[in-house]
Amino acid sequence: MKNLKNSIAIKSPKKGLLITAFLITQLGIAQEKTEFKGVIGKTLADSKEYWPDPVTAPKGAPNVVWILLDDVGFGASSTFGGLINTPTFDNLANNGLRYTNFHTTAICAPTRAALLTGRNSGRVHVSGFSHTILSAGFPGWDGRIPSDKGTIAEILRDNGYNTFAVGKYGVTPDEEASDAVRLTVGQLEKVSIISTDS
């Protein structure tokens, strides 16, 4: 994974999209480096192209739905024994997987960071929010998830899953966001929810 620092303030949505496209194509963010197995000759006739197979999820791989509801504890929904009737969540959980050893925090952004990384929110630098005004220049509080602290979206993407995210995050530093693209390519990779092509 690349660790890019962005100090550019993008004022125009068109420039923001252009810069995002440039980063993807020129810096290879969207594609991991692979060994070239073709031949580069002096002419095109002397050369042989090589197109590596894309990484895909295994046949029959399950779809993964990752849901986070702010300010709701395990004891609230009927899925985990609570009083609030949540039949759709009950159905999803009864036909899937339930995690019961998750430690929520007092505010949303650290909880999201912990859920996305499977780590303590302080260990991934999100003890508070990632917004500049709400973060602090202290260990665990700077609001920037390090590139070596992979999220579930990054791990599954690298194994052939497609990713998609909906909702608010609070885990994107202000200087990495713009009106054109609220999340940078790197941040999208960190927070995206997962599905397969099937």
N, C-alpha and C. Protein backbone atom coordinates (compact mmCIF):
# COMPACT_ATOMS: atom_id res chain seq x y z
N MET A 1 0.83 -1.18 0.00
CA MET A 1 0.00 0.00 0.00
C MET A 1 0.87 1.24 0.00
N LYS A 2 0.42 2.25 -0.69
CA LYS A 2 1.20 3.47 -0.78
C LYS A 2 0.79 4.42 0.34
N ASN A 3 1.75 5.15 0.85
CA ASN A 3 1.49 6.14 1.86
C ASN A 3 1.73 7.50 1.23
N LEU A 4 0.66 8.14 0.77
CA LEU A 4 0.78 9.42 0.08
C LEU A 4 0.35 10.54 1.00
N LYS A 5 1.06 11.66 0.93
CA LYS A 5 0.68 12.83 1.70
C LYS A 5 0.13 13.86 0.75
N ASN A 6 -1.00 14.46 1.10
CA ASN A 6 -1.64 15.42 0.23
C ASN A 6 -1.67 16.77 0.92
N SER A 7 -0.99 17.75 0.35
CA SER A 7 -1.03 19.09 0.91
C SER A 7 -1.67 20.06 -0.07
N ILE A 8 -2.38 19.52 -1.07
CA ILE A 8 -3.00 20.35 -2.10
C ILE A 8 -4.44 20.64 -1.72
N ALA A 9 -4.83 21.90 -1.78
CA ALA A 9 -6.23 22.26 -1.56
C ALA A 9 -6.90 22.36 -2.93
N ILE A 10 -7.87 21.50 -3.20
CA ILE A 10 -8.52 21.47 -4.50
C ILE A 10 -9.80 22.29 -4.41
N LYS A 11 -9.90 23.33 -5.23
CA LYS A 11 -11.05 24.23 -5.20
C LYS A 11 -12.12 23.83 -6.21
N SER A 12 -11.72 23.20 -7.30
CA SER A 12 -12.64 22.86 -8.38
C SER A 12 -12.95 21.37 -8.40
N PRO A 13 -14.24 20.99 -8.47
CA PRO A 13 -14.58 19.57 -8.57
C PRO A 13 -13.94 18.90 -9.78
N LYS A 14 -13.86 19.61 -10.92
CA LYS A 14 -13.26 19.02 -12.12
C LYS A 14 -11.79 18.73 -11.88
N LYS A 15 -11.08 19.67 -11.23
CA LYS A 15 -9.66 19.45 -10.94
C LYS A 15 -9.50 18.29 -9.97
N GLY A 16 -10.41 18.18 -9.01
CA GLY A 16 -10.35 17.09 -8.03
C GLY A 16 -10.48 15.74 -8.71
N LEU A 17 -11.42 15.62 -9.63
CA LEU A 17 -11.60 14.36 -10.35
C LEU A 17 -10.42 14.08 -11.26
N LEU A 18 -9.88 15.13 -11.89
CA LEU A 18 -8.72 14.96 -12.76
C LEU A 18 -7.51 14.50 -11.96
N ILE A 19 -7.29 15.10 -10.80
CA ILE A 19 -6.16 14.70 -9.95
C ILE A 19 -6.34 13.27 -9.46
N THR A 20 -7.57 12.88 -9.08
CA THR A 20 -7.84 11.51 -8.65
C THR A 20 -7.53 10.53 -9.78
N ALA A 21 -7.99 10.84 -10.99
CA ALA A 21 -7.72 9.96 -12.14
C ALA A 21 -6.23 9.88 -12.40
N PHE A 22 -5.53 11.00 -12.29
CA PHE A 22 -4.08 11.00 -12.48
C PHE A 22 -3.39 10.11 -11.47
N LEU A 23 -3.78 10.23 -10.19
CA LEU A 23 -3.16 9.41 -9.15
C LEU A 23 -3.38 7.93 -9.42
N ILE A 24 -4.57 7.58 -9.83
CA ILE A 24 -4.88 6.17 -10.08
C ILE A 24 -4.04 5.62 -11.23
N THR A 25 -3.97 6.37 -12.33
CA THR A 25 -3.27 5.86 -13.51
C THR A 25 -1.76 5.98 -13.40
N GLN A 26 -1.25 7.11 -12.93
CA GLN A 26 0.18 7.35 -12.94
C GLN A 26 0.91 6.74 -11.76
N LEU A 27 0.29 6.70 -10.60
CA LEU A 27 0.97 6.19 -9.42
C LEU A 27 0.65 4.73 -9.15
N GLY A 28 -0.20 4.12 -9.95
CA GLY A 28 -0.47 2.70 -9.80
C GLY A 28 -1.24 2.35 -8.54
N ILE A 29 -2.05 3.28 -8.05
CA ILE A 29 -2.80 3.01 -6.84
C ILE A 29 -3.80 1.88 -7.05
N ALA A 30 -4.40 1.82 -8.23
CA ALA A 30 -5.45 0.85 -8.47
C ALA A 30 -4.92 -0.53 -8.85
N GLN A 31 -3.63 -0.67 -9.09
CA GLN A 31 -3.11 -1.95 -9.53
C GLN A 31 -1.78 -2.24 -8.86
N GLU A 32 -1.66 -3.40 -8.26
CA GLU A 32 -0.41 -3.81 -7.64
C GLU A 32 0.63 -4.12 -8.71
N LYS A 33 1.88 -3.98 -8.38
CA LYS A 33 2.95 -4.30 -9.32
C LYS A 33 2.99 -5.81 -9.53
N THR A 34 3.08 -6.23 -10.79
CA THR A 34 3.21 -7.65 -11.12
C THR A 34 4.41 -7.83 -12.03
N GLU A 35 4.96 -9.02 -12.04
CA GLU A 35 6.10 -9.33 -12.89
C GLU A 35 5.64 -9.37 -14.34
N PHE A 36 6.36 -8.67 -15.21
CA PHE A 36 6.03 -8.67 -16.63
C PHE A 36 6.58 -9.96 -17.25
N LYS A 37 5.69 -10.74 -17.86
CA LYS A 37 6.08 -12.02 -18.43
C LYS A 37 6.04 -12.00 -19.96
N GLY A 38 5.97 -10.81 -20.54
CA GLY A 38 6.00 -10.69 -21.99
C GLY A 38 7.41 -10.45 -22.48
N VAL A 39 7.51 -9.97 -23.70
CA VAL A 39 8.81 -9.68 -24.31
C VAL A 39 8.75 -8.27 -24.87
N ILE A 40 9.76 -7.46 -24.57
CA ILE A 40 9.86 -6.12 -25.14
C ILE A 40 11.02 -6.14 -26.13
N GLY A 41 10.68 -6.12 -27.42
CA GLY A 41 11.69 -6.15 -28.47
C GLY A 41 11.98 -4.76 -29.00
N LYS A 42 12.78 -4.70 -30.05
CA LYS A 42 13.11 -3.41 -30.66
C LYS A 42 11.93 -2.84 -31.43
N THR A 43 11.06 -3.72 -31.91
CA THR A 43 9.86 -3.29 -32.63
C THR A 43 8.66 -3.99 -32.03
N LEU A 44 7.48 -3.53 -32.42
CA LEU A 44 6.26 -4.17 -31.94
C LEU A 44 6.20 -5.62 -32.43
N ALA A 45 6.67 -5.86 -33.63
CA ALA A 45 6.67 -7.23 -34.18
C ALA A 45 7.57 -8.16 -33.38
N ASP A 46 8.61 -7.61 -32.77
CA ASP A 46 9.54 -8.41 -31.96
C ASP A 46 9.07 -8.54 -30.51
N SER A 47 7.97 -7.88 -30.17
CA SER A 47 7.49 -7.84 -28.79
C SER A 47 6.29 -8.76 -28.59
N LYS A 48 6.10 -9.15 -27.34
CA LYS A 48 4.95 -9.99 -26.98
C LYS A 48 4.28 -9.37 -25.75
N GLU A 49 2.97 -9.06 -25.90
CA GLU A 49 2.23 -8.46 -24.79
C GLU A 49 2.01 -9.47 -23.68
N TYR A 50 1.79 -8.95 -22.48
CA TYR A 50 1.44 -9.81 -21.34
C TYR A 50 0.33 -9.12 -20.56
N TRP A 51 -0.75 -9.82 -20.37
CA TRP A 51 -1.88 -9.31 -19.60
C TRP A 51 -2.12 -10.26 -18.43
N PRO A 52 -1.73 -9.85 -17.21
CA PRO A 52 -1.95 -10.74 -16.06
C PRO A 52 -3.43 -10.90 -15.77
N ASP A 53 -3.80 -12.08 -15.29
CA ASP A 53 -5.19 -12.30 -14.89
C ASP A 53 -5.49 -11.45 -13.66
N PRO A 54 -6.65 -10.79 -13.64
CA PRO A 54 -7.00 -10.01 -12.45
C PRO A 54 -7.27 -10.94 -11.27
N VAL A 55 -7.00 -10.44 -10.08
CA VAL A 55 -7.31 -11.21 -8.88
C VAL A 55 -8.82 -11.21 -8.71
N THR A 56 -9.40 -12.37 -8.53
CA THR A 56 -10.85 -12.48 -8.33
C THR A 56 -11.13 -13.27 -7.07
N ALA A 57 -12.27 -13.02 -6.49
CA ALA A 57 -12.69 -13.79 -5.32
C ALA A 57 -12.92 -15.24 -5.74
N PRO A 58 -12.69 -16.19 -4.85
CA PRO A 58 -12.90 -17.59 -5.21
C PRO A 58 -14.35 -17.86 -5.60
N LYS A 59 -14.54 -18.86 -6.45
CA LYS A 59 -15.90 -19.24 -6.85
C LYS A 59 -16.69 -19.60 -5.59
N GLY A 60 -17.89 -19.07 -5.50
CA GLY A 60 -18.74 -19.34 -4.35
C GLY A 60 -18.42 -18.51 -3.12
N ALA A 61 -17.50 -17.53 -3.27
CA ALA A 61 -17.15 -16.67 -2.13
C ALA A 61 -18.40 -15.92 -1.66
N PRO A 62 -18.57 -15.79 -0.37
CA PRO A 62 -19.78 -15.11 0.13
C PRO A 62 -19.71 -13.60 -0.06
N ASN A 63 -20.88 -12.98 -0.17
CA ASN A 63 -20.94 -11.53 -0.09
C ASN A 63 -20.78 -11.15 1.37
N VAL A 64 -20.22 -9.99 1.63
CA VAL A 64 -20.01 -9.53 2.99
C VAL A 64 -20.73 -8.20 3.14
N VAL A 65 -21.60 -8.09 4.12
CA VAL A 65 -22.28 -6.83 4.42
C VAL A 65 -21.81 -6.39 5.80
N TRP A 66 -21.24 -5.22 5.86
CA TRP A 66 -20.66 -4.69 7.09
C TRP A 66 -21.53 -3.52 7.52
N ILE A 67 -22.22 -3.63 8.65
CA ILE A 67 -23.17 -2.60 9.08
C ILE A 67 -22.72 -2.02 10.42
N LEU A 68 -22.72 -0.70 10.50
CA LEU A 68 -22.42 -0.02 11.75
C LEU A 68 -23.53 0.99 12.01
N LEU A 69 -24.19 0.85 13.15
CA LEU A 69 -25.20 1.82 13.56
C LEU A 69 -24.62 2.62 14.72
N ASP A 70 -24.57 3.94 14.55
CA ASP A 70 -24.03 4.78 15.61
C ASP A 70 -24.92 4.76 16.85
N ASP A 71 -24.26 4.85 17.99
CA ASP A 71 -24.94 5.04 19.27
C ASP A 71 -25.96 3.95 19.60
N VAL A 72 -25.69 2.74 19.14
CA VAL A 72 -26.57 1.62 19.45
C VAL A 72 -25.71 0.51 20.02
N GLY A 73 -26.01 0.08 21.23
CA GLY A 73 -25.24 -1.00 21.84
C GLY A 73 -25.79 -2.36 21.44
N PHE A 74 -25.07 -3.42 21.81
CA PHE A 74 -25.52 -4.77 21.47
C PHE A 74 -26.88 -5.09 22.07
N GLY A 75 -27.18 -4.56 23.23
CA GLY A 75 -28.44 -4.88 23.90
C GLY A 75 -29.65 -4.17 23.36
N ALA A 76 -29.52 -3.33 22.33
CA ALA A 76 -30.65 -2.58 21.81
C ALA A 76 -31.48 -3.39 20.82
N SER A 77 -30.85 -4.07 19.87
CA SER A 77 -31.61 -4.78 18.83
C SER A 77 -31.96 -6.20 19.24
N SER A 78 -33.06 -6.68 18.69
CA SER A 78 -33.48 -8.05 18.99
C SER A 78 -32.47 -9.07 18.50
N THR A 79 -31.65 -8.70 17.54
CA THR A 79 -30.62 -9.59 17.00
C THR A 79 -29.68 -10.08 18.09
N PHE A 80 -29.43 -9.22 19.08
CA PHE A 80 -28.54 -9.58 20.18
C PHE A 80 -29.28 -9.60 21.52
N GLY A 81 -30.59 -9.86 21.49
CA GLY A 81 -31.36 -10.01 22.71
C GLY A 81 -31.99 -8.74 23.24
N GLY A 82 -31.95 -7.66 22.46
CA GLY A 82 -32.51 -6.40 22.92
C GLY A 82 -34.01 -6.29 22.68
N LEU A 83 -34.57 -5.17 23.10
CA LEU A 83 -36.02 -4.97 23.02
C LEU A 83 -36.49 -4.37 21.70
N ILE A 84 -35.59 -3.80 20.90
CA ILE A 84 -35.99 -3.19 19.63
C ILE A 84 -36.10 -4.28 18.57
N ASN A 85 -37.30 -4.43 18.00
CA ASN A 85 -37.56 -5.46 17.00
C ASN A 85 -36.83 -5.10 15.70
N THR A 86 -35.89 -5.93 15.29
CA THR A 86 -35.11 -5.71 14.07
C THR A 86 -35.12 -6.99 13.23
N PRO A 87 -36.28 -7.30 12.61
CA PRO A 87 -36.39 -8.58 11.89
C PRO A 87 -35.41 -8.74 10.72
N THR A 88 -35.10 -7.66 10.01
CA THR A 88 -34.15 -7.78 8.89
C THR A 88 -32.76 -8.11 9.41
N PHE A 89 -32.33 -7.44 10.47
CA PHE A 89 -31.03 -7.76 11.07
C PHE A 89 -31.04 -9.18 11.63
N ASP A 90 -32.17 -9.57 12.24
CA ASP A 90 -32.28 -10.95 12.77
C ASP A 90 -32.08 -11.96 11.65
N ASN A 91 -32.73 -11.72 10.51
CA ASN A 91 -32.63 -12.62 9.37
C ASN A 91 -31.20 -12.68 8.84
N LEU A 92 -30.57 -11.51 8.69
CA LEU A 92 -29.19 -11.48 8.22
C LEU A 92 -28.27 -12.23 9.18
N ALA A 93 -28.42 -11.99 10.46
CA ALA A 93 -27.55 -12.62 11.45
C ALA A 93 -27.81 -14.13 11.54
N ASN A 94 -29.07 -14.53 11.43
CA ASN A 94 -29.41 -15.96 11.51
C ASN A 94 -28.88 -16.75 10.33
N ASN A 95 -28.63 -16.06 9.21
CA ASN A 95 -28.12 -16.73 8.01
C ASN A 95 -26.67 -16.35 7.72
N GLY A 96 -26.01 -15.77 8.68
CA GLY A 96 -24.63 -15.33 8.45
C GLY A 96 -23.79 -15.52 9.69
N LEU A 97 -23.18 -14.46 10.11
CA LEU A 97 -22.20 -14.50 11.18
C LEU A 97 -22.47 -13.38 12.16
N ARG A 98 -22.32 -13.65 13.45
CA ARG A 98 -22.46 -12.62 14.48
C ARG A 98 -21.15 -12.48 15.23
N TYR A 99 -20.67 -11.26 15.34
CA TYR A 99 -19.50 -11.00 16.16
C TYR A 99 -19.97 -10.44 17.48
N THR A 100 -19.53 -11.04 18.56
CA THR A 100 -20.03 -10.64 19.87
C THR A 100 -18.93 -10.14 20.81
N ASN A 101 -17.72 -10.00 20.33
CA ASN A 101 -16.64 -9.53 21.18
C ASN A 101 -16.08 -8.22 20.64
N PHE A 102 -16.97 -7.36 20.18
CA PHE A 102 -16.56 -6.07 19.64
C PHE A 102 -16.70 -5.02 20.72
N HIS A 103 -15.69 -4.19 20.89
CA HIS A 103 -15.71 -3.16 21.92
C HIS A 103 -15.99 -1.81 21.29
N THR A 104 -17.16 -1.27 21.56
CA THR A 104 -17.54 0.02 21.01
C THR A 104 -16.91 1.15 21.82
N THR A 105 -16.79 2.30 21.22
CA THR A 105 -16.26 3.47 21.92
C THR A 105 -17.40 4.46 22.18
N ALA A 106 -17.09 5.55 22.81
CA ALA A 106 -18.13 6.51 23.18
C ALA A 106 -18.59 7.38 22.02
N ILE A 107 -17.80 7.47 20.95
CA ILE A 107 -18.19 8.26 19.79
C ILE A 107 -17.99 7.46 18.50
N CYS A 108 -18.60 7.95 17.43
CA CYS A 108 -18.71 7.16 16.20
C CYS A 108 -17.40 6.90 15.46
N ALA A 109 -16.55 7.90 15.24
CA ALA A 109 -15.36 7.71 14.41
C ALA A 109 -14.40 6.65 14.97
N PRO A 110 -14.09 6.67 16.27
CA PRO A 110 -13.23 5.61 16.79
C PRO A 110 -13.88 4.22 16.67
N THR A 111 -15.19 4.15 16.84
CA THR A 111 -15.88 2.87 16.67
C THR A 111 -15.74 2.39 15.23
N ARG A 112 -15.92 3.30 14.26
CA ARG A 112 -15.76 2.93 12.84
C ARG A 112 -14.34 2.44 12.58
N ALA A 113 -13.35 3.19 13.08
CA ALA A 113 -11.95 2.81 12.86
C ALA A 113 -11.67 1.42 13.45
N ALA A 114 -12.20 1.15 14.64
CA ALA A 114 -12.00 -0.17 15.26
C ALA A 114 -12.70 -1.26 14.46
N LEU A 115 -13.91 -1.00 13.99
CA LEU A 115 -14.66 -1.99 13.22
C LEU A 115 -13.98 -2.27 11.88
N LEU A 116 -13.51 -1.23 11.22
CA LEU A 116 -12.89 -1.39 9.91
C LEU A 116 -11.53 -2.07 9.97
N THR A 117 -10.79 -1.88 11.06
CA THR A 117 -9.44 -2.44 11.15
C THR A 117 -9.35 -3.68 12.03
N GLY A 118 -10.34 -3.89 12.89
CA GLY A 118 -10.26 -4.99 13.84
C GLY A 118 -9.25 -4.73 14.94
N ARG A 119 -8.93 -3.46 15.17
CA ARG A 119 -7.93 -3.08 16.17
C ARG A 119 -8.50 -2.02 17.11
N ASN A 120 -7.85 -1.82 18.22
CA ASN A 120 -8.20 -0.76 19.13
C ASN A 120 -8.08 0.57 18.39
N SER A 121 -9.05 1.45 18.57
CA SER A 121 -9.06 2.72 17.83
C SER A 121 -7.82 3.57 18.09
N GLY A 122 -7.28 3.53 19.29
CA GLY A 122 -6.07 4.28 19.59
C GLY A 122 -4.87 3.75 18.84
N ARG A 123 -4.83 2.45 18.60
CA ARG A 123 -3.72 1.84 17.86
C ARG A 123 -3.73 2.22 16.38
N VAL A 124 -4.91 2.65 15.88
CA VAL A 124 -4.99 3.08 14.49
C VAL A 124 -5.15 4.61 14.40
N HIS A 125 -4.79 5.30 15.48
CA HIS A 125 -4.69 6.76 15.52
C HIS A 125 -6.04 7.48 15.50
N VAL A 126 -7.14 6.81 15.79
CA VAL A 126 -8.45 7.48 15.75
C VAL A 126 -9.12 7.36 17.12
N SER A 127 -8.51 7.97 18.13
CA SER A 127 -9.12 8.00 19.46
C SER A 127 -10.23 9.04 19.52
N GLY A 128 -10.18 10.00 18.59
CA GLY A 128 -11.21 11.02 18.45
C GLY A 128 -11.66 11.01 17.00
N PHE A 129 -11.95 12.18 16.46
CA PHE A 129 -12.34 12.28 15.06
C PHE A 129 -11.10 12.56 14.21
N SER A 130 -11.23 12.37 12.91
CA SER A 130 -10.13 12.69 12.00
C SER A 130 -10.18 14.14 11.54
N HIS A 131 -11.26 14.85 11.84
CA HIS A 131 -11.35 16.27 11.47
C HIS A 131 -10.31 17.04 12.25
N THR A 132 -9.62 17.96 11.59
CA THR A 132 -8.52 18.70 12.20
C THR A 132 -8.91 19.34 13.52
N ILE A 133 -10.07 19.95 13.57
CA ILE A 133 -10.50 20.65 14.77
C ILE A 133 -10.77 19.70 15.93
N LEU A 134 -11.06 18.44 15.62
CA LEU A 134 -11.42 17.47 16.66
C LEU A 134 -10.34 16.41 16.91
N SER A 135 -9.20 16.52 16.23
CA SER A 135 -8.10 15.60 16.48
C SER A 135 -7.02 16.34 17.27
N ALA A 136 -5.97 15.62 17.64
CA ALA A 136 -4.90 16.25 18.43
C ALA A 136 -3.56 15.67 18.00
N GLY A 137 -2.52 16.44 18.16
CA GLY A 137 -1.19 16.00 17.76
C GLY A 137 -0.51 15.14 18.80
N PHE A 138 -1.21 14.10 19.25
CA PHE A 138 -0.66 13.18 20.24
C PHE A 138 -0.82 11.75 19.73
N PRO A 139 0.01 10.82 20.24
CA PRO A 139 -0.11 9.43 19.80
C PRO A 139 -1.54 8.91 19.97
N GLY A 140 -2.06 8.31 18.92
CA GLY A 140 -3.40 7.75 18.95
C GLY A 140 -4.52 8.75 18.68
N TRP A 141 -4.18 10.03 18.56
CA TRP A 141 -5.20 11.06 18.42
C TRP A 141 -5.09 11.88 17.13
N ASP A 142 -4.16 11.56 16.25
CA ASP A 142 -3.98 12.41 15.07
C ASP A 142 -5.01 12.16 13.98
N GLY A 143 -5.82 11.12 14.09
CA GLY A 143 -6.92 10.89 13.16
C GLY A 143 -6.53 10.39 11.79
N ARG A 144 -5.35 9.83 11.66
CA ARG A 144 -4.89 9.33 10.36
C ARG A 144 -4.59 7.84 10.48
N ILE A 145 -5.45 6.99 9.90
CA ILE A 145 -5.21 5.55 9.96
C ILE A 145 -3.95 5.24 9.16
N PRO A 146 -2.92 4.68 9.78
CA PRO A 146 -1.67 4.39 9.05
C PRO A 146 -1.88 3.36 7.95
N SER A 147 -1.07 3.48 6.90
CA SER A 147 -1.22 2.57 5.76
C SER A 147 -0.88 1.13 6.13
N ASP A 148 -0.12 0.92 7.21
CA ASP A 148 0.20 -0.46 7.60
C ASP A 148 -0.86 -1.07 8.51
N LYS A 149 -1.94 -0.35 8.78
CA LYS A 149 -3.05 -0.88 9.57
C LYS A 149 -4.22 -1.16 8.63
N GLY A 150 -4.14 -2.24 7.89
CA GLY A 150 -5.12 -2.56 6.87
C GLY A 150 -6.53 -2.71 7.40
N THR A 151 -7.48 -2.27 6.60
CA THR A 151 -8.90 -2.43 6.95
C THR A 151 -9.45 -3.68 6.27
N ILE A 152 -10.61 -4.11 6.70
CA ILE A 152 -11.24 -5.27 6.09
C ILE A 152 -11.48 -5.05 4.61
N ALA A 153 -11.82 -3.83 4.22
CA ALA A 153 -12.04 -3.53 2.81
C ALA A 153 -10.76 -3.72 2.00
N GLU A 154 -9.63 -3.26 2.54
CA GLU A 154 -8.35 -3.41 1.83
C GLU A 154 -7.96 -4.88 1.70
N ILE A 155 -8.15 -5.62 2.75
CA ILE A 155 -7.77 -7.04 2.74
C ILE A 155 -8.61 -7.82 1.74
N LEU A 156 -9.92 -7.61 1.78
CA LEU A 156 -10.78 -8.35 0.85
C LEU A 156 -10.62 -7.85 -0.58
N ARG A 157 -10.39 -6.56 -0.77
CA ARG A 157 -10.13 -6.03 -2.13
C ARG A 157 -8.91 -6.69 -2.74
N ASP A 158 -7.87 -6.83 -1.94
CA ASP A 158 -6.65 -7.48 -2.42
C ASP A 158 -6.87 -8.95 -2.75
N ASN A 159 -8.00 -9.50 -2.30
CA ASN A 159 -8.33 -10.90 -2.58
C ASN A 159 -9.47 -11.03 -3.58
N GLY A 160 -9.68 -9.98 -4.39
CA GLY A 160 -10.61 -10.06 -5.51
C GLY A 160 -12.02 -9.58 -5.27
N TYR A 161 -12.31 -9.03 -4.12
CA TYR A 161 -13.65 -8.50 -3.87
C TYR A 161 -13.77 -7.09 -4.42
N ASN A 162 -14.98 -6.68 -4.78
CA ASN A 162 -15.27 -5.29 -5.10
C ASN A 162 -15.75 -4.63 -3.82
N THR A 163 -15.52 -3.33 -3.70
CA THR A 163 -15.90 -2.65 -2.46
C THR A 163 -16.81 -1.48 -2.73
N PHE A 164 -17.65 -1.17 -1.77
CA PHE A 164 -18.59 -0.06 -1.88
C PHE A 164 -18.94 0.42 -0.48
N ALA A 165 -19.01 1.72 -0.29
CA ALA A 165 -19.34 2.27 1.03
C ALA A 165 -20.46 3.29 0.92
N VAL A 166 -21.32 3.30 1.89
CA VAL A 166 -22.41 4.27 1.96
C VAL A 166 -22.45 4.80 3.39
N GLY A 167 -22.61 6.09 3.53
CA GLY A 167 -22.76 6.67 4.86
C GLY A 167 -21.71 7.71 5.17
N LYS A 168 -21.71 8.16 6.41
CA LYS A 168 -20.71 9.12 6.86
C LYS A 168 -19.59 8.36 7.55
N TYR A 169 -18.42 8.98 7.65
CA TYR A 169 -17.28 8.24 8.17
C TYR A 169 -16.61 8.88 9.36
N GLY A 170 -16.22 10.14 9.27
CA GLY A 170 -15.48 10.76 10.36
C GLY A 170 -14.07 10.22 10.48
N VAL A 171 -13.59 9.45 9.48
CA VAL A 171 -12.24 8.90 9.52
C VAL A 171 -11.38 9.44 8.37
N THR A 172 -11.80 10.52 7.75
CA THR A 172 -11.02 11.15 6.68
C THR A 172 -10.54 12.51 7.16
N PRO A 173 -9.22 12.71 7.24
CA PRO A 173 -8.71 14.03 7.64
C PRO A 173 -9.19 15.11 6.66
N ASP A 174 -9.48 16.29 7.18
CA ASP A 174 -10.02 17.38 6.37
C ASP A 174 -9.14 17.68 5.16
N GLU A 175 -7.82 17.66 5.35
CA GLU A 175 -6.93 18.02 4.24
C GLU A 175 -6.89 16.95 3.15
N GLU A 176 -7.46 15.78 3.40
CA GLU A 176 -7.52 14.73 2.39
C GLU A 176 -8.88 14.67 1.71
N ALA A 177 -9.75 15.60 2.01
CA ALA A 177 -11.09 15.63 1.42
C ALA A 177 -11.26 16.89 0.60
N SER A 178 -12.18 16.84 -0.37
CA SER A 178 -12.51 18.02 -1.17
C SER A 178 -14.00 17.96 -1.48
N ASP A 179 -14.52 19.04 -2.03
CA ASP A 179 -15.92 19.03 -2.42
C ASP A 179 -16.17 18.07 -3.57
N ALA A 180 -15.14 17.82 -4.38
CA ALA A 180 -15.30 16.92 -5.53
C ALA A 180 -15.28 15.46 -5.09
N VAL A 181 -14.35 15.12 -4.25
CA VAL A 181 -14.20 13.75 -3.79
C VAL A 181 -14.06 13.81 -2.27
N ARG A 182 -15.11 13.45 -1.55
CA ARG A 182 -15.09 13.58 -0.10
C ARG A 182 -14.08 12.64 0.54
N LEU A 183 -13.79 11.53 -0.10
CA LEU A 183 -12.78 10.61 0.40
C LEU A 183 -11.71 10.45 -0.66
N THR A 184 -10.46 10.40 -0.26
CA THR A 184 -9.40 10.15 -1.23
C THR A 184 -9.44 8.69 -1.64
N VAL A 185 -8.70 8.37 -2.70
CA VAL A 185 -8.64 6.98 -3.15
C VAL A 185 -8.19 6.09 -2.00
N GLY A 186 -7.16 6.50 -1.29
CA GLY A 186 -6.67 5.70 -0.16
C GLY A 186 -7.71 5.52 0.92
N GLN A 187 -8.44 6.59 1.24
CA GLN A 187 -9.46 6.48 2.27
C GLN A 187 -10.63 5.63 1.79
N LEU A 188 -11.00 5.74 0.51
CA LEU A 188 -12.06 4.88 -0.02
C LEU A 188 -11.68 3.42 0.13
N GLU A 189 -10.42 3.11 -0.14
CA GLU A 189 -9.96 1.74 -0.01
C GLU A 189 -10.06 1.29 1.44
N LYS A 190 -9.87 2.17 2.38
CA LYS A 190 -9.91 1.80 3.79
C LYS A 190 -11.32 1.56 4.30
N VAL A 191 -12.30 2.32 3.81
CA VAL A 191 -13.63 2.26 4.41
C VAL A 191 -14.68 1.53 3.60
N SER A 192 -14.36 1.14 2.38
CA SER A 192 -15.38 0.56 1.52
C SER A 192 -15.93 -0.75 2.05
N ILE A 193 -17.22 -0.93 1.87
CA ILE A 193 -17.90 -2.16 2.26
C ILE A 193 -17.78 -3.14 1.10
N ILE A 194 -17.91 -4.40 1.35
CA ILE A 194 -17.47 -5.42 0.43
C ILE A 194 -18.61 -6.19 -0.24
N SER A 195 -18.43 -6.54 -1.52
CA SER A 195 -19.32 -7.49 -2.20
C SER A 195 -18.54 -8.18 -3.29
N THR A 196 -18.99 -9.34 -3.72
CA THR A 196 -18.32 -10.04 -4.82
C THR A 196 -19.06 -9.73 -6.12
N ASP A 197 -18.54 -10.21 -7.23
CA ASP A 197 -19.19 -10.00 -8.53
C ASP A 197 -20.38 -10.91 -8.72
N SER A 198 -20.54 -11.93 -7.91
CA SER A 198 -21.59 -12.93 -8.15
C SER A 198 -22.99 -12.40 -8.01
